[in-house]
Amino acid sequence: MEPLSFPYKISPEVDQTRADTLVAEIRSFNQGKHSLLWEMPCRSVEPLQFYILDPNEKLIAGIMGRTNQIPEWLEVTVIWVAESRRHQGLGRELMRLAEDEAKARGCVFARLATSEYQAPDFYRKLDYQQYGMLENCPRGETCYYFWKELH
């Protein structure tokens, strides 16, 4: 396939000012579409992190995510428990803490992705519903997508 030929310059540079402008322009376009997304009160995007430390302050478990990247949504991006500390309820406690904090920040839903060798059944036990899967993400692995309504 031949590249397009036109009198414009294409810039591959990472440029925060242009990125901010691009986001502002798509938001402006989207706001005219009367989506409930734009009628909600604006909440700031905030990181969410909890860490479990042993008595020597060594990290044994943690969770990271963010709230309101999409209004009213918690996105869990990383959860990890040291292998020697698994099956003791630490992951469940981290998810509870994250969900409670997300609700305090105005979130109504949570979402996350996990691979088949990670913990899809763990999330199912926490009442997360699978809404999709993507094979070969990366090649040879399957990624599962989950969501949950926070009560």
N, C-alpha and C. Protein backbone atom coordinates (compact mmCIF):
# COMPACT_ATOMS: atom_id res chain seq x y z
N MET A 1 0.85 -1.17 0.00
CA MET A 1 0.00 0.00 0.00
C MET A 1 0.90 1.24 0.00
N GLU A 2 0.64 2.12 -0.90
CA GLU A 2 1.42 3.35 -1.03
C GLU A 2 0.96 4.38 0.01
N PRO A 3 1.89 5.11 0.59
CA PRO A 3 1.50 6.17 1.53
C PRO A 3 0.77 7.30 0.79
N LEU A 4 -0.08 7.98 1.51
CA LEU A 4 -0.79 9.13 0.93
C LEU A 4 0.21 10.24 0.63
N SER A 5 -0.10 10.96 -0.41
CA SER A 5 0.73 12.10 -0.76
C SER A 5 -0.13 13.35 -0.66
N PHE A 6 0.27 14.28 0.21
CA PHE A 6 -0.46 15.53 0.35
C PHE A 6 0.49 16.59 0.89
N PRO A 7 0.07 17.85 0.83
CA PRO A 7 1.00 18.94 1.17
C PRO A 7 1.14 19.22 2.67
N TYR A 8 0.92 18.20 3.52
CA TYR A 8 1.01 18.40 4.95
C TYR A 8 2.26 17.72 5.50
N LYS A 9 2.66 18.16 6.66
CA LYS A 9 3.79 17.53 7.35
C LYS A 9 3.23 16.57 8.39
N ILE A 10 3.78 15.39 8.49
CA ILE A 10 3.42 14.43 9.53
C ILE A 10 4.56 14.40 10.52
N SER A 11 4.24 14.64 11.78
CA SER A 11 5.25 14.68 12.82
C SER A 11 5.11 13.47 13.74
N PRO A 12 6.16 12.67 13.89
CA PRO A 12 6.13 11.53 14.80
C PRO A 12 6.62 11.89 16.22
N GLU A 13 6.86 13.16 16.48
CA GLU A 13 7.41 13.59 17.76
C GLU A 13 6.38 13.50 18.88
N VAL A 14 6.83 13.14 20.07
CA VAL A 14 5.98 13.20 21.25
C VAL A 14 5.94 14.66 21.68
N ASP A 15 4.73 15.21 21.73
CA ASP A 15 4.57 16.64 21.99
C ASP A 15 3.35 16.82 22.90
N GLN A 16 3.58 17.15 24.16
CA GLN A 16 2.48 17.24 25.13
C GLN A 16 1.50 18.34 24.78
N THR A 17 1.96 19.46 24.24
CA THR A 17 1.06 20.55 23.87
C THR A 17 0.11 20.09 22.77
N ARG A 18 0.65 19.42 21.76
CA ARG A 18 -0.22 18.91 20.69
C ARG A 18 -1.16 17.84 21.21
N ALA A 19 -0.67 16.98 22.11
CA ALA A 19 -1.52 15.94 22.68
C ALA A 19 -2.68 16.56 23.46
N ASP A 20 -2.38 17.58 24.26
CA ASP A 20 -3.44 18.27 25.02
C ASP A 20 -4.46 18.91 24.08
N THR A 21 -4.00 19.49 22.99
CA THR A 21 -4.89 20.10 22.00
C THR A 21 -5.76 19.04 21.35
N LEU A 22 -5.16 17.91 21.00
CA LEU A 22 -5.91 16.81 20.38
C LEU A 22 -7.02 16.33 21.31
N VAL A 23 -6.72 16.14 22.58
CA VAL A 23 -7.72 15.70 23.56
C VAL A 23 -8.81 16.75 23.72
N ALA A 24 -8.42 18.01 23.80
CA ALA A 24 -9.41 19.10 23.93
C ALA A 24 -10.34 19.13 22.71
N GLU A 25 -9.80 18.93 21.53
CA GLU A 25 -10.62 18.96 20.31
C GLU A 25 -11.61 17.80 20.27
N ILE A 26 -11.16 16.59 20.63
CA ILE A 26 -12.11 15.46 20.60
C ILE A 26 -13.16 15.61 21.70
N ARG A 27 -12.77 16.17 22.84
CA ARG A 27 -13.76 16.42 23.89
C ARG A 27 -14.79 17.44 23.42
N SER A 28 -14.34 18.48 22.76
CA SER A 28 -15.25 19.50 22.24
C SER A 28 -16.22 18.88 21.23
N PHE A 29 -15.72 18.05 20.36
CA PHE A 29 -16.57 17.36 19.38
C PHE A 29 -17.58 16.47 20.10
N ASN A 30 -17.10 15.68 21.06
CA ASN A 30 -17.96 14.74 21.77
C ASN A 30 -19.04 15.44 22.59
N GLN A 31 -18.74 16.60 23.14
CA GLN A 31 -19.70 17.31 23.97
C GLN A 31 -20.94 17.70 23.19
N GLY A 32 -20.81 17.88 21.92
CA GLY A 32 -21.97 18.24 21.09
C GLY A 32 -22.88 17.07 20.79
N LYS A 33 -22.54 15.88 21.24
CA LYS A 33 -23.31 14.69 20.90
C LYS A 33 -24.34 14.31 21.96
N HIS A 34 -24.51 15.11 22.98
CA HIS A 34 -25.53 14.92 24.01
C HIS A 34 -25.41 13.60 24.76
N SER A 35 -24.20 13.14 24.94
CA SER A 35 -23.95 11.92 25.70
C SER A 35 -24.06 12.23 27.19
N LEU A 36 -24.55 11.28 27.96
CA LEU A 36 -24.58 11.44 29.41
C LEU A 36 -23.18 11.69 29.97
N LEU A 37 -22.17 11.22 29.25
CA LEU A 37 -20.79 11.41 29.65
C LEU A 37 -20.49 12.89 29.91
N TRP A 38 -21.08 13.76 29.12
CA TRP A 38 -20.77 15.19 29.22
C TRP A 38 -21.72 15.94 30.15
N GLU A 39 -22.78 15.27 30.59
CA GLU A 39 -23.71 15.90 31.50
C GLU A 39 -23.37 15.65 32.96
N MET A 40 -22.40 14.76 33.22
CA MET A 40 -21.99 14.43 34.58
C MET A 40 -21.08 15.50 35.14
N PRO A 41 -21.08 15.66 36.44
CA PRO A 41 -20.12 16.61 37.02
C PRO A 41 -18.70 16.14 36.75
N CYS A 42 -17.84 17.06 36.43
CA CYS A 42 -16.46 16.73 36.10
C CYS A 42 -15.70 16.36 37.38
N ARG A 43 -15.02 15.24 37.35
CA ARG A 43 -14.16 14.81 38.45
C ARG A 43 -12.76 14.63 37.88
N SER A 44 -11.78 14.94 38.68
CA SER A 44 -10.42 14.84 38.18
C SER A 44 -9.96 13.39 38.17
N VAL A 45 -9.10 13.09 37.20
CA VAL A 45 -8.47 11.79 37.12
C VAL A 45 -7.43 11.72 38.23
N GLU A 46 -7.50 10.67 39.04
CA GLU A 46 -6.55 10.55 40.15
C GLU A 46 -6.00 9.14 40.21
N PRO A 47 -4.69 9.03 40.48
CA PRO A 47 -4.13 7.70 40.69
C PRO A 47 -4.69 7.09 41.97
N LEU A 48 -4.72 5.78 42.01
CA LEU A 48 -5.18 5.06 43.18
C LEU A 48 -4.13 3.98 43.48
N GLN A 49 -3.60 3.97 44.68
CA GLN A 49 -2.57 3.00 45.04
C GLN A 49 -2.71 2.61 46.50
N PHE A 50 -2.59 1.30 46.76
CA PHE A 50 -2.52 0.76 48.11
C PHE A 50 -1.40 -0.27 48.12
N TYR A 51 -0.62 -0.27 49.18
CA TYR A 51 0.48 -1.22 49.31
C TYR A 51 0.37 -1.92 50.66
N ILE A 52 0.65 -3.21 50.68
CA ILE A 52 0.71 -3.96 51.93
C ILE A 52 2.18 -4.27 52.18
N LEU A 53 2.63 -3.89 53.37
CA LEU A 53 4.03 -4.03 53.74
C LEU A 53 4.15 -4.99 54.93
N ASP A 54 5.24 -5.73 54.97
CA ASP A 54 5.46 -6.59 56.13
C ASP A 54 6.02 -5.73 57.27
N PRO A 55 6.26 -6.31 58.47
CA PRO A 55 6.75 -5.51 59.60
C PRO A 55 8.08 -4.79 59.34
N ASN A 56 8.84 -5.26 58.35
CA ASN A 56 10.10 -4.60 57.98
C ASN A 56 9.92 -3.61 56.83
N GLU A 57 8.65 -3.31 56.50
CA GLU A 57 8.30 -2.37 55.43
C GLU A 57 8.65 -2.88 54.03
N LYS A 58 8.79 -4.19 53.90
CA LYS A 58 9.03 -4.78 52.59
C LYS A 58 7.68 -4.96 51.89
N LEU A 59 7.62 -4.61 50.63
CA LEU A 59 6.40 -4.73 49.85
C LEU A 59 6.04 -6.21 49.67
N ILE A 60 4.81 -6.58 50.06
CA ILE A 60 4.36 -7.95 49.84
C ILE A 60 3.12 -8.02 48.95
N ALA A 61 2.48 -6.88 48.73
CA ALA A 61 1.30 -6.84 47.86
C ALA A 61 0.97 -5.39 47.53
N GLY A 62 0.28 -5.20 46.42
CA GLY A 62 -0.13 -3.85 46.08
C GLY A 62 -1.12 -3.83 44.93
N ILE A 63 -1.77 -2.69 44.81
CA ILE A 63 -2.73 -2.46 43.73
C ILE A 63 -2.54 -1.04 43.23
N MET A 64 -2.64 -0.88 41.93
CA MET A 64 -2.56 0.44 41.31
C MET A 64 -3.68 0.58 40.29
N GLY A 65 -4.13 1.79 40.14
CA GLY A 65 -5.15 2.07 39.16
C GLY A 65 -5.38 3.57 39.09
N ARG A 66 -6.54 3.93 38.58
CA ARG A 66 -6.91 5.35 38.51
C ARG A 66 -8.42 5.43 38.48
N THR A 67 -8.90 6.57 38.92
CA THR A 67 -10.33 6.81 38.93
C THR A 67 -10.67 7.96 37.99
N ASN A 68 -11.82 7.84 37.37
CA ASN A 68 -12.43 8.89 36.56
C ASN A 68 -11.66 9.24 35.29
N GLN A 69 -10.81 8.34 34.80
CA GLN A 69 -10.27 8.52 33.44
C GLN A 69 -11.47 8.52 32.49
N ILE A 70 -12.38 7.60 32.74
CA ILE A 70 -13.73 7.64 32.19
C ILE A 70 -14.59 7.98 33.40
N PRO A 71 -15.41 9.03 33.33
CA PRO A 71 -16.19 9.42 34.50
C PRO A 71 -16.94 8.24 35.12
N GLU A 72 -16.87 8.17 36.44
CA GLU A 72 -17.54 7.17 37.26
C GLU A 72 -16.92 5.79 37.19
N TRP A 73 -15.71 5.66 36.66
CA TRP A 73 -15.07 4.35 36.52
C TRP A 73 -13.74 4.29 37.26
N LEU A 74 -13.55 3.17 37.96
CA LEU A 74 -12.26 2.77 38.49
C LEU A 74 -11.61 1.86 37.46
N GLU A 75 -10.36 2.10 37.16
CA GLU A 75 -9.60 1.20 36.29
C GLU A 75 -8.46 0.62 37.12
N VAL A 76 -8.48 -0.68 37.33
CA VAL A 76 -7.39 -1.37 38.03
C VAL A 76 -6.37 -1.75 36.97
N THR A 77 -5.13 -1.28 37.15
CA THR A 77 -4.10 -1.57 36.16
C THR A 77 -3.09 -2.61 36.62
N VAL A 78 -2.82 -2.68 37.92
CA VAL A 78 -1.86 -3.66 38.45
C VAL A 78 -2.35 -4.12 39.82
N ILE A 79 -2.32 -5.42 40.03
CA ILE A 79 -2.50 -5.97 41.37
C ILE A 79 -1.52 -7.14 41.46
N TRP A 80 -0.80 -7.18 42.58
CA TRP A 80 0.23 -8.21 42.76
C TRP A 80 0.31 -8.58 44.23
N VAL A 81 0.48 -9.88 44.47
CA VAL A 81 0.70 -10.40 45.82
C VAL A 81 1.90 -11.34 45.73
N ALA A 82 2.85 -11.18 46.64
CA ALA A 82 4.02 -12.05 46.66
C ALA A 82 3.56 -13.51 46.71
N GLU A 83 4.23 -14.35 45.98
CA GLU A 83 3.81 -15.75 45.88
C GLU A 83 3.67 -16.41 47.26
N SER A 84 4.57 -16.11 48.16
CA SER A 84 4.51 -16.72 49.50
C SER A 84 3.35 -16.21 50.34
N ARG A 85 2.69 -15.14 49.90
CA ARG A 85 1.59 -14.54 50.67
C ARG A 85 0.23 -14.72 50.00
N ARG A 86 0.19 -15.46 48.92
CA ARG A 86 -1.08 -15.66 48.21
C ARG A 86 -2.00 -16.58 49.01
N HIS A 87 -3.29 -16.50 48.71
CA HIS A 87 -4.34 -17.31 49.34
C HIS A 87 -4.51 -16.99 50.82
N GLN A 88 -4.21 -15.74 51.20
CA GLN A 88 -4.40 -15.28 52.57
C GLN A 88 -5.40 -14.12 52.65
N GLY A 89 -6.03 -13.79 51.51
CA GLY A 89 -7.01 -12.72 51.48
C GLY A 89 -6.44 -11.34 51.17
N LEU A 90 -5.14 -11.26 50.89
CA LEU A 90 -4.55 -9.94 50.64
C LEU A 90 -5.06 -9.32 49.33
N GLY A 91 -5.17 -10.11 48.28
CA GLY A 91 -5.69 -9.59 47.02
C GLY A 91 -7.13 -9.12 47.16
N ARG A 92 -7.92 -9.91 47.85
CA ARG A 92 -9.33 -9.54 48.09
C ARG A 92 -9.40 -8.23 48.88
N GLU A 93 -8.53 -8.07 49.89
CA GLU A 93 -8.52 -6.85 50.69
C GLU A 93 -8.09 -5.64 49.85
N LEU A 94 -7.09 -5.83 48.99
CA LEU A 94 -6.67 -4.73 48.12
C LEU A 94 -7.79 -4.31 47.19
N MET A 95 -8.51 -5.27 46.63
CA MET A 95 -9.63 -4.94 45.75
C MET A 95 -10.72 -4.20 46.53
N ARG A 96 -10.99 -4.63 47.76
CA ARG A 96 -12.00 -3.95 48.59
C ARG A 96 -11.60 -2.51 48.85
N LEU A 97 -10.34 -2.32 49.22
CA LEU A 97 -9.84 -0.97 49.49
C LEU A 97 -9.96 -0.08 48.25
N ALA A 98 -9.56 -0.62 47.11
CA ALA A 98 -9.62 0.15 45.87
C ALA A 98 -11.06 0.50 45.51
N GLU A 99 -11.94 -0.47 45.61
CA GLU A 99 -13.35 -0.21 45.29
C GLU A 99 -13.97 0.79 46.24
N ASP A 100 -13.67 0.68 47.53
CA ASP A 100 -14.21 1.64 48.50
C ASP A 100 -13.71 3.06 48.22
N GLU A 101 -12.42 3.18 47.92
CA GLU A 101 -11.87 4.51 47.61
C GLU A 101 -12.48 5.05 46.32
N ALA A 102 -12.65 4.18 45.34
CA ALA A 102 -13.26 4.61 44.08
C ALA A 102 -14.68 5.12 44.30
N LYS A 103 -15.45 4.42 45.13
CA LYS A 103 -16.81 4.88 45.43
C LYS A 103 -16.77 6.25 46.12
N ALA A 104 -15.81 6.45 47.02
CA ALA A 104 -15.68 7.74 47.70
C ALA A 104 -15.34 8.84 46.70
N ARG A 105 -14.72 8.48 45.59
CA ARG A 105 -14.37 9.45 44.54
C ARG A 105 -15.47 9.58 43.49
N GLY A 106 -16.61 8.97 43.72
CA GLY A 106 -17.74 9.11 42.81
C GLY A 106 -17.84 8.04 41.74
N CYS A 107 -17.07 6.98 41.85
CA CYS A 107 -17.13 5.92 40.84
C CYS A 107 -18.28 4.97 41.14
N VAL A 108 -18.88 4.47 40.07
CA VAL A 108 -20.00 3.55 40.16
C VAL A 108 -19.62 2.19 39.56
N PHE A 109 -18.58 2.16 38.76
CA PHE A 109 -18.17 0.95 38.06
C PHE A 109 -16.66 0.75 38.19
N ALA A 110 -16.22 -0.49 37.96
CA ALA A 110 -14.80 -0.81 37.92
C ALA A 110 -14.53 -1.69 36.70
N ARG A 111 -13.30 -1.60 36.19
CA ARG A 111 -12.91 -2.42 35.05
C ARG A 111 -11.46 -2.81 35.19
N LEU A 112 -11.09 -3.91 34.52
CA LEU A 112 -9.71 -4.38 34.54
C LEU A 112 -9.51 -5.40 33.44
N ALA A 113 -8.25 -5.71 33.19
CA ALA A 113 -7.88 -6.74 32.22
C ALA A 113 -6.89 -7.67 32.89
N THR A 114 -6.95 -8.95 32.54
CA THR A 114 -6.04 -9.94 33.10
C THR A 114 -5.79 -11.02 32.06
N SER A 115 -4.67 -11.69 32.17
CA SER A 115 -4.34 -12.78 31.26
C SER A 115 -4.78 -14.10 31.85
N GLU A 116 -4.85 -15.13 31.00
CA GLU A 116 -5.34 -16.43 31.47
C GLU A 116 -4.46 -17.03 32.56
N TYR A 117 -3.17 -16.72 32.57
CA TYR A 117 -2.27 -17.28 33.59
C TYR A 117 -2.22 -16.41 34.85
N GLN A 118 -2.92 -15.30 34.84
CA GLN A 118 -2.94 -14.44 36.02
C GLN A 118 -4.10 -14.85 36.91
N ALA A 119 -5.22 -14.13 36.86
CA ALA A 119 -6.25 -14.42 37.86
C ALA A 119 -7.68 -14.21 37.39
N PRO A 120 -8.08 -14.69 36.22
CA PRO A 120 -9.48 -14.44 35.84
C PRO A 120 -10.49 -15.01 36.83
N ASP A 121 -10.22 -16.17 37.40
CA ASP A 121 -11.17 -16.75 38.36
C ASP A 121 -11.24 -15.94 39.66
N PHE A 122 -10.14 -15.32 40.05
CA PHE A 122 -10.14 -14.45 41.23
C PHE A 122 -11.16 -13.33 41.06
N TYR A 123 -11.16 -12.69 39.89
CA TYR A 123 -12.08 -11.58 39.66
C TYR A 123 -13.52 -12.07 39.56
N ARG A 124 -13.72 -13.25 38.99
CA ARG A 124 -15.07 -13.81 38.94
C ARG A 124 -15.61 -14.01 40.36
N LYS A 125 -14.77 -14.48 41.27
CA LYS A 125 -15.18 -14.69 42.67
C LYS A 125 -15.55 -13.37 43.34
N LEU A 126 -15.02 -12.26 42.82
CA LEU A 126 -15.34 -10.94 43.37
C LEU A 126 -16.50 -10.28 42.62
N ASP A 127 -17.25 -11.08 41.89
CA ASP A 127 -18.44 -10.64 41.15
C ASP A 127 -18.14 -9.77 39.94
N TYR A 128 -16.94 -9.84 39.40
CA TYR A 128 -16.64 -9.15 38.15
C TYR A 128 -17.19 -9.98 37.00
N GLN A 129 -17.74 -9.30 36.00
CA GLN A 129 -18.33 -9.95 34.85
C GLN A 129 -17.40 -9.80 33.65
N GLN A 130 -17.16 -10.90 32.96
CA GLN A 130 -16.32 -10.83 31.76
C GLN A 130 -17.13 -10.23 30.63
N TYR A 131 -16.57 -9.22 29.97
CA TYR A 131 -17.27 -8.62 28.83
C TYR A 131 -16.51 -8.80 27.53
N GLY A 132 -15.35 -9.40 27.59
CA GLY A 132 -14.63 -9.64 26.35
C GLY A 132 -13.34 -10.40 26.58
N MET A 133 -12.77 -10.83 25.48
CA MET A 133 -11.46 -11.46 25.53
C MET A 133 -10.78 -11.21 24.20
N LEU A 134 -9.46 -11.18 24.26
CA LEU A 134 -8.68 -10.91 23.05
C LEU A 134 -7.55 -11.92 23.00
N GLU A 135 -7.57 -12.75 21.98
CA GLU A 135 -6.52 -13.74 21.82
C GLU A 135 -5.29 -13.09 21.20
N ASN A 136 -4.14 -13.71 21.44
CA ASN A 136 -2.86 -13.22 20.92
C ASN A 136 -2.55 -11.80 21.38
N CYS A 137 -2.77 -11.56 22.65
CA CYS A 137 -2.54 -10.25 23.24
C CYS A 137 -1.73 -10.41 24.52
N PRO A 138 -0.41 -10.55 24.46
CA PRO A 138 0.43 -10.71 23.27
C PRO A 138 0.31 -12.12 22.67
N ARG A 139 1.01 -12.33 21.58
CA ARG A 139 0.92 -13.57 20.82
C ARG A 139 1.01 -14.79 21.75
N GLY A 140 0.05 -15.69 21.60
CA GLY A 140 0.02 -16.91 22.39
C GLY A 140 -0.71 -16.80 23.72
N GLU A 141 -1.15 -15.61 24.08
CA GLU A 141 -1.86 -15.41 25.34
C GLU A 141 -3.25 -14.84 25.07
N THR A 142 -4.13 -15.05 26.01
CA THR A 142 -5.47 -14.49 25.92
C THR A 142 -5.66 -13.51 27.06
N CYS A 143 -6.18 -12.34 26.72
CA CYS A 143 -6.47 -11.31 27.70
C CYS A 143 -7.99 -11.28 27.92
N TYR A 144 -8.39 -11.24 29.19
CA TYR A 144 -9.80 -11.18 29.56
C TYR A 144 -10.11 -9.81 30.14
N TYR A 145 -11.28 -9.29 29.78
CA TYR A 145 -11.72 -7.98 30.24
C TYR A 145 -12.93 -8.15 31.15
N PHE A 146 -12.87 -7.50 32.31
CA PHE A 146 -13.91 -7.62 33.32
C PHE A 146 -14.41 -6.25 33.75
N TRP A 147 -15.66 -6.23 34.24
CA TRP A 147 -16.24 -5.03 34.81
C TRP A 147 -17.13 -5.41 35.99
N LYS A 148 -17.44 -4.43 36.80
CA LYS A 148 -18.30 -4.66 37.96
C LYS A 148 -18.99 -3.36 38.33
N GLU A 149 -20.24 -3.46 38.74
CA GLU A 149 -20.92 -2.31 39.32
C GLU A 149 -20.59 -2.28 40.80
N LEU A 150 -20.14 -1.13 41.26
CA LEU A 150 -19.76 -0.98 42.66
C LEU A 150 -21.00 -0.66 43.49
N HIS A 151 -21.20 -1.37 44.57
CA HIS A 151 -22.38 -1.14 45.43
C HIS A 151 -21.95 -0.52 46.73
